[in-house]
Amino acid sequence: MKNLSPFLKNDSAVFDQPWHAQVLAVADGLVQSGLFSANQWAAALGQQRHEAETQQKPDTAETYYHCALAALETLLSQNSGVDRATINQRSAIWARAYLATPHGQPVLLEAGE
């Protein structure tokens, strides 16, 4: 995975948390692999940002992260064999696994199934 330090807030950049920056790294990797184009990514992210503004969500790093994540999920469901239901299911499994994992331990998806 790419060096995410330029995107982290403690380096005077965009995100508060490392996983916030990882959504951009994943999107970049999928653009590089050809799953979708940089233009498609920009359009999807722009659409999510527009929707956030329309809903009068605050212009924060957290809002940007959620827009980027929603754009990535949308492009995945449009351009791969992974549909929205599968994405939602995996997200729920991950959340259960995360909540079942003691602090400092690696999160194992099996714990959420």
Protein backbone atom coordinates (compact mmCIF):
# COMPACT_ATOMS: atom_id res chain seq x y z
CA MET A 1 0.00 0.00 0.00
CA LYS A 2 1.17 3.50 -0.72
CA ASN A 3 2.64 5.82 1.89
CA LEU A 4 -0.40 7.55 3.34
CA SER A 5 1.39 10.16 5.45
CA PRO A 6 0.73 13.04 3.02
CA PHE A 7 -3.02 12.49 3.54
CA LEU A 8 -3.01 12.38 7.33
CA LYS A 9 -3.95 15.42 9.38
CA ASN A 10 -0.93 15.32 11.69
CA ASP A 11 1.14 16.05 8.57
CA SER A 12 -1.13 19.04 7.77
CA ALA A 13 -3.20 17.14 5.27
CA VAL A 14 -6.75 15.94 4.70
CA PHE A 15 -7.68 13.07 7.01
CA ASP A 16 -7.90 12.50 10.75
CA GLN A 17 -7.33 8.73 10.66
CA PRO A 18 -5.17 6.37 8.55
CA TRP A 19 -8.20 4.40 7.34
CA HIS A 20 -9.65 7.62 5.97
CA ALA A 21 -6.64 7.97 3.69
CA GLN A 22 -6.74 4.30 2.76
CA VAL A 23 -9.97 4.80 0.82
CA LEU A 24 -8.01 7.03 -1.60
CA ALA A 25 -5.19 4.50 -1.81
CA VAL A 26 -7.67 1.72 -2.63
CA ALA A 27 -9.37 3.90 -5.25
CA ASP A 28 -6.00 4.75 -6.79
CA GLY A 29 -5.07 1.06 -6.90
CA LEU A 30 -8.34 0.23 -8.66
CA VAL A 31 -7.79 3.04 -11.17
CA GLN A 32 -4.26 1.72 -11.81
CA SER A 33 -5.62 -1.82 -12.25
CA GLY A 34 -8.17 -0.56 -14.79
CA LEU A 35 -11.35 -1.44 -12.88
CA PHE A 36 -12.50 2.15 -13.43
CA SER A 37 -10.93 5.29 -14.82
CA ALA A 38 -9.66 8.36 -13.01
CA ASN A 39 -12.46 10.31 -14.69
CA GLN A 40 -15.05 7.86 -13.36
CA TRP A 41 -13.54 8.19 -9.88
CA ALA A 42 -13.59 11.99 -10.07
CA ALA A 43 -17.20 12.00 -11.28
CA ALA A 44 -18.35 9.57 -8.56
CA LEU A 45 -16.56 11.51 -5.83
CA GLY A 46 -17.90 14.79 -7.19
CA GLN A 47 -21.43 13.39 -7.17
CA GLN A 48 -21.09 12.29 -3.55
CA ARG A 49 -19.68 15.69 -2.55
CA HIS A 50 -22.57 17.41 -4.34
CA GLU A 51 -25.08 15.21 -2.49
CA ALA A 52 -23.40 16.03 0.83
CA GLU A 53 -23.63 19.74 0.08
CA THR A 54 -27.28 19.40 -0.96
CA GLN A 55 -27.97 17.66 2.36
CA GLN A 56 -26.10 20.51 4.12
CA LYS A 57 -23.56 18.16 5.69
CA PRO A 58 -20.58 19.98 7.24
CA ASP A 59 -17.46 20.41 5.12
CA THR A 60 -15.18 18.28 7.30
CA ALA A 61 -12.60 15.54 6.86
CA GLU A 62 -15.18 13.06 8.17
CA THR A 63 -17.72 14.10 5.52
CA TYR A 64 -15.07 13.87 2.79
CA TYR A 65 -14.15 10.37 3.96
CA HIS A 66 -17.77 9.22 3.83
CA CYS A 67 -18.15 10.73 0.35
CA ALA A 68 -15.00 8.98 -0.86
CA LEU A 69 -16.11 5.68 0.65
CA ALA A 70 -19.58 5.96 -0.92
CA ALA A 71 -18.03 6.80 -4.31
CA LEU A 72 -15.72 3.78 -4.05
CA GLU A 73 -18.59 1.47 -3.09
CA THR A 74 -20.70 2.78 -5.97
CA LEU A 75 -17.93 2.21 -8.51
CA LEU A 76 -17.26 -1.26 -7.13
CA SER A 77 -20.91 -2.24 -7.49
CA GLN A 78 -21.03 -0.81 -11.04
CA ASN A 79 -17.74 -2.19 -12.35
CA SER A 80 -17.11 -5.51 -10.65
CA GLY A 81 -18.89 -8.68 -9.69
CA VAL A 82 -19.41 -7.26 -6.20
CA ASP A 83 -22.95 -5.98 -5.75
CA ARG A 84 -24.18 -3.51 -3.15
CA ALA A 85 -25.73 -6.28 -1.01
CA THR A 86 -22.38 -8.09 -0.80
CA ILE A 87 -20.59 -4.85 0.11
CA ASN A 88 -23.15 -4.20 2.86
CA GLN A 89 -22.87 -7.78 4.12
CA ARG A 90 -19.05 -7.61 4.30
CA SER A 91 -19.24 -4.24 6.06
CA ALA A 92 -21.56 -5.72 8.69
CA ILE A 93 -19.28 -8.73 9.18
CA TRP A 94 -16.28 -6.44 9.56
CA ALA A 95 -18.10 -4.23 12.08
CA ARG A 96 -19.09 -7.25 14.19
CA ALA A 97 -15.52 -8.58 14.02
CA TYR A 98 -14.09 -5.20 14.98
CA LEU A 99 -16.41 -4.91 17.97
CA ALA A 100 -15.57 -8.46 19.09
CA THR A 101 -11.80 -7.90 18.93
CA PRO A 102 -9.89 -6.87 22.06
CA HIS A 103 -8.01 -3.58 21.79
CA GLY A 104 -4.61 -3.98 20.15
CA GLN A 105 -5.38 -7.32 18.56
CA PRO A 106 -5.73 -7.87 14.80
CA VAL A 107 -9.30 -7.92 13.51
CA LEU A 108 -10.18 -11.31 12.03
CA LEU A 109 -13.28 -11.45 9.83
CA GLU A 110 -14.15 -14.89 11.20
CA ALA A 111 -15.03 -13.22 14.49
CA GLY A 112 -17.86 -11.34 12.77
CA GLU A 113 -19.45 -14.22 10.91
